[in-house]
N, C-alpha and C. Protein backbone atom coordinates (compact mmCIF):
# COMPACT_ATOMS: atom_id res chain seq x y z
N MET A 1 0.85 -1.18 0.00
CA MET A 1 0.00 0.00 0.00
C MET A 1 0.89 1.24 0.00
N SER A 2 0.67 2.13 -0.94
CA SER A 2 1.46 3.35 -1.01
C SER A 2 0.84 4.43 -0.14
N LYS A 3 1.69 5.19 0.49
CA LYS A 3 1.23 6.26 1.37
C LYS A 3 1.01 7.51 0.53
N VAL A 4 -0.16 8.12 0.68
CA VAL A 4 -0.50 9.32 -0.08
C VAL A 4 -0.18 10.53 0.78
N GLU A 5 0.58 11.46 0.21
CA GLU A 5 0.99 12.65 0.94
C GLU A 5 -0.17 13.65 0.99
N VAL A 6 -0.44 14.16 2.20
CA VAL A 6 -1.51 15.15 2.38
C VAL A 6 -0.87 16.48 2.73
N LYS A 7 -1.16 17.50 1.92
CA LYS A 7 -0.66 18.83 2.20
C LYS A 7 -1.46 19.43 3.35
N LYS A 8 -0.85 20.36 4.06
CA LYS A 8 -1.57 21.06 5.10
C LYS A 8 -2.43 22.11 4.40
N ALA A 9 -3.68 21.76 4.21
CA ALA A 9 -4.57 22.61 3.44
C ALA A 9 -5.96 22.57 4.05
N ARG A 10 -6.86 23.23 3.40
CA ARG A 10 -8.24 23.27 3.84
C ARG A 10 -8.84 21.87 3.84
N GLN A 11 -9.70 21.61 4.81
CA GLN A 11 -10.37 20.32 4.89
C GLN A 11 -11.86 20.52 4.72
N TRP A 12 -12.51 19.52 4.15
CA TRP A 12 -13.94 19.54 3.95
C TRP A 12 -14.56 18.38 4.69
N GLN A 13 -15.85 18.52 5.01
CA GLN A 13 -16.58 17.44 5.66
C GLN A 13 -17.85 17.19 4.87
N GLY A 14 -18.16 15.93 4.65
CA GLY A 14 -19.35 15.60 3.88
C GLY A 14 -19.81 14.18 4.14
N VAL A 15 -20.87 13.80 3.43
CA VAL A 15 -21.49 12.49 3.59
C VAL A 15 -21.15 11.64 2.38
N VAL A 16 -20.78 10.38 2.63
CA VAL A 16 -20.47 9.45 1.54
C VAL A 16 -21.78 9.09 0.84
N VAL A 17 -21.85 9.33 -0.48
CA VAL A 17 -23.05 9.00 -1.25
C VAL A 17 -22.84 7.78 -2.14
N SER A 18 -21.58 7.37 -2.36
CA SER A 18 -21.31 6.18 -3.15
C SER A 18 -19.97 5.57 -2.74
N ASP A 19 -19.95 4.24 -2.64
CA ASP A 19 -18.70 3.54 -2.32
C ASP A 19 -18.52 2.35 -3.26
N LYS A 20 -19.07 2.44 -4.45
CA LYS A 20 -19.06 1.32 -5.39
C LYS A 20 -17.70 1.06 -6.02
N ALA A 21 -16.92 2.10 -6.24
CA ALA A 21 -15.61 1.94 -6.88
C ALA A 21 -14.58 1.46 -5.86
N ASP A 22 -13.55 0.76 -6.34
CA ASP A 22 -12.50 0.27 -5.47
C ASP A 22 -11.58 1.41 -5.06
N LYS A 23 -11.37 1.57 -3.76
CA LYS A 23 -10.49 2.60 -3.17
C LYS A 23 -10.94 4.03 -3.47
N THR A 24 -12.21 4.21 -3.84
CA THR A 24 -12.74 5.54 -4.12
C THR A 24 -14.13 5.67 -3.50
N ILE A 25 -14.37 6.81 -2.87
CA ILE A 25 -15.72 7.12 -2.40
C ILE A 25 -16.12 8.46 -3.00
N VAL A 26 -17.42 8.66 -3.16
CA VAL A 26 -17.94 9.94 -3.63
C VAL A 26 -18.59 10.61 -2.42
N VAL A 27 -18.13 11.82 -2.12
CA VAL A 27 -18.58 12.56 -0.94
C VAL A 27 -19.32 13.81 -1.39
N ALA A 28 -20.53 14.01 -0.85
CA ALA A 28 -21.32 15.21 -1.14
C ALA A 28 -21.11 16.22 -0.02
N VAL A 29 -20.69 17.42 -0.40
CA VAL A 29 -20.48 18.52 0.54
C VAL A 29 -21.58 19.54 0.30
N GLU A 30 -22.30 19.85 1.37
CA GLU A 30 -23.44 20.75 1.26
C GLU A 30 -23.10 22.08 1.94
N ARG A 31 -23.48 23.19 1.31
CA ARG A 31 -23.25 24.51 1.90
C ARG A 31 -24.41 25.42 1.54
N PHE A 32 -24.55 26.50 2.29
CA PHE A 32 -25.60 27.47 2.02
C PHE A 32 -24.99 28.73 1.42
N VAL A 33 -25.64 29.26 0.41
CA VAL A 33 -25.19 30.45 -0.29
C VAL A 33 -26.32 31.48 -0.25
N THR A 34 -25.96 32.73 -0.08
CA THR A 34 -26.95 33.81 -0.09
C THR A 34 -26.98 34.44 -1.47
N HIS A 35 -28.18 34.58 -2.02
CA HIS A 35 -28.33 35.20 -3.33
C HIS A 35 -27.94 36.67 -3.23
N PRO A 36 -27.13 37.18 -4.16
CA PRO A 36 -26.63 38.56 -4.04
C PRO A 36 -27.72 39.63 -4.10
N LYS A 37 -28.74 39.40 -4.89
CA LYS A 37 -29.78 40.43 -5.03
C LYS A 37 -30.94 40.22 -4.05
N TYR A 38 -31.42 38.99 -3.95
CA TYR A 38 -32.64 38.73 -3.18
C TYR A 38 -32.38 38.32 -1.74
N ARG A 39 -31.12 38.09 -1.39
CA ARG A 39 -30.71 37.76 -0.02
C ARG A 39 -31.36 36.49 0.52
N LYS A 40 -31.85 35.65 -0.35
CA LYS A 40 -32.40 34.36 0.09
C LYS A 40 -31.29 33.34 0.14
N LYS A 41 -31.29 32.52 1.19
CA LYS A 41 -30.29 31.47 1.31
C LYS A 41 -30.80 30.20 0.63
N TYR A 42 -29.90 29.56 -0.12
CA TYR A 42 -30.27 28.31 -0.76
C TYR A 42 -29.11 27.33 -0.65
N ARG A 43 -29.45 26.06 -0.78
CA ARG A 43 -28.49 24.98 -0.57
C ARG A 43 -27.78 24.63 -1.87
N VAL A 44 -26.44 24.46 -1.79
CA VAL A 44 -25.63 24.05 -2.94
C VAL A 44 -24.89 22.78 -2.53
N THR A 45 -24.95 21.75 -3.37
CA THR A 45 -24.27 20.49 -3.09
C THR A 45 -23.25 20.22 -4.18
N LYS A 46 -22.05 19.82 -3.78
CA LYS A 46 -21.00 19.47 -4.73
C LYS A 46 -20.45 18.11 -4.35
N LYS A 47 -20.16 17.28 -5.35
CA LYS A 47 -19.63 15.94 -5.11
C LYS A 47 -18.15 15.88 -5.45
N TYR A 48 -17.39 15.20 -4.59
CA TYR A 48 -15.96 15.03 -4.78
C TYR A 48 -15.62 13.54 -4.79
N ALA A 49 -14.72 13.13 -5.67
CA ALA A 49 -14.18 11.78 -5.67
C ALA A 49 -12.99 11.79 -4.71
N VAL A 50 -13.05 10.95 -3.69
CA VAL A 50 -12.05 10.95 -2.61
C VAL A 50 -11.39 9.58 -2.52
N HIS A 51 -10.08 9.57 -2.34
CA HIS A 51 -9.31 8.33 -2.22
C HIS A 51 -9.50 7.72 -0.84
N ASP A 52 -9.91 6.46 -0.80
CA ASP A 52 -10.11 5.70 0.43
C ASP A 52 -9.32 4.40 0.29
N PRO A 53 -8.02 4.40 0.65
CA PRO A 53 -7.15 3.25 0.35
C PRO A 53 -7.56 1.94 1.00
N ASP A 54 -8.24 1.98 2.15
CA ASP A 54 -8.60 0.76 2.86
C ASP A 54 -10.05 0.32 2.64
N ASN A 55 -10.80 1.03 1.82
CA ASN A 55 -12.23 0.75 1.61
C ASN A 55 -12.98 0.66 2.94
N ARG A 56 -12.67 1.58 3.85
CA ARG A 56 -13.28 1.55 5.19
C ARG A 56 -14.66 2.18 5.23
N TYR A 57 -14.89 3.21 4.43
CA TYR A 57 -16.09 4.02 4.58
C TYR A 57 -17.21 3.51 3.67
N LYS A 58 -18.42 3.53 4.22
CA LYS A 58 -19.60 3.04 3.51
C LYS A 58 -20.58 4.20 3.31
N GLU A 59 -21.58 3.96 2.49
CA GLU A 59 -22.59 4.97 2.19
C GLU A 59 -23.26 5.46 3.47
N GLY A 60 -23.36 6.78 3.63
CA GLY A 60 -24.00 7.37 4.80
C GLY A 60 -23.02 7.83 5.87
N ASP A 61 -21.76 7.42 5.80
CA ASP A 61 -20.75 7.83 6.77
C ASP A 61 -20.38 9.30 6.55
N VAL A 62 -20.06 9.99 7.64
CA VAL A 62 -19.58 11.37 7.57
C VAL A 62 -18.06 11.32 7.62
N VAL A 63 -17.40 11.91 6.63
CA VAL A 63 -15.94 11.86 6.53
C VAL A 63 -15.36 13.26 6.38
N THR A 64 -14.10 13.40 6.77
CA THR A 64 -13.34 14.63 6.56
C THR A 64 -12.24 14.31 5.56
N PHE A 65 -12.04 15.20 4.58
CA PHE A 65 -11.02 14.96 3.56
C PHE A 65 -10.30 16.25 3.21
N ALA A 66 -9.11 16.09 2.61
CA ALA A 66 -8.27 17.24 2.29
C ALA A 66 -7.63 17.05 0.93
N CYS A 67 -7.01 18.10 0.41
CA CYS A 67 -6.32 18.06 -0.87
C CYS A 67 -5.08 17.18 -0.77
N SER A 68 -4.71 16.59 -1.90
CA SER A 68 -3.46 15.84 -1.99
C SER A 68 -2.97 15.96 -3.42
N LYS A 69 -1.86 15.30 -3.69
CA LYS A 69 -1.40 15.29 -5.08
C LYS A 69 -2.39 14.48 -5.91
N PRO A 70 -2.51 14.74 -7.20
CA PRO A 70 -3.48 14.01 -8.02
C PRO A 70 -3.21 12.50 -7.99
N ILE A 71 -4.25 11.74 -7.73
CA ILE A 71 -4.16 10.29 -7.67
C ILE A 71 -4.62 9.69 -8.99
N SER A 72 -5.61 10.33 -9.60
CA SER A 72 -6.09 9.93 -10.92
C SER A 72 -6.68 11.18 -11.58
N LYS A 73 -7.40 10.98 -12.68
CA LYS A 73 -7.95 12.13 -13.41
C LYS A 73 -8.92 12.93 -12.54
N ARG A 74 -9.78 12.25 -11.78
CA ARG A 74 -10.79 12.93 -10.98
C ARG A 74 -10.45 13.01 -9.50
N LYS A 75 -9.58 12.14 -9.01
CA LYS A 75 -9.29 12.09 -7.57
C LYS A 75 -8.10 12.98 -7.22
N LYS A 76 -8.39 14.01 -6.44
CA LYS A 76 -7.35 14.91 -5.96
C LYS A 76 -7.49 15.15 -4.46
N PHE A 77 -8.24 14.28 -3.80
CA PHE A 77 -8.52 14.40 -2.37
C PHE A 77 -8.30 13.05 -1.70
N VAL A 78 -8.00 13.09 -0.40
CA VAL A 78 -7.78 11.85 0.35
C VAL A 78 -8.47 12.01 1.71
N VAL A 79 -9.01 10.91 2.22
CA VAL A 79 -9.70 10.90 3.51
C VAL A 79 -8.68 11.12 4.61
N THR A 80 -8.99 12.03 5.54
CA THR A 80 -8.08 12.28 6.66
C THR A 80 -8.65 11.73 7.97
N GLU A 81 -9.98 11.59 8.05
CA GLU A 81 -10.59 11.13 9.30
C GLU A 81 -11.85 10.36 8.99
């Protein structure tokens, strides 16, 4: 098993929405944004492909992840907790 280097960078927290791929989980990060004109808050969700080397996390788990060196075309994040 190769060790993936994690830079000291911003971390995100989200819910695992898919764990079907080997060593990869898809994490949905939800945040609230205020509309600039109407000042209404609305929910924005973004999905990230995150490296999970041990296949530990399952759908519905809450995970924390951070930036790392690119692992593949879409994976640029690794689970930290």
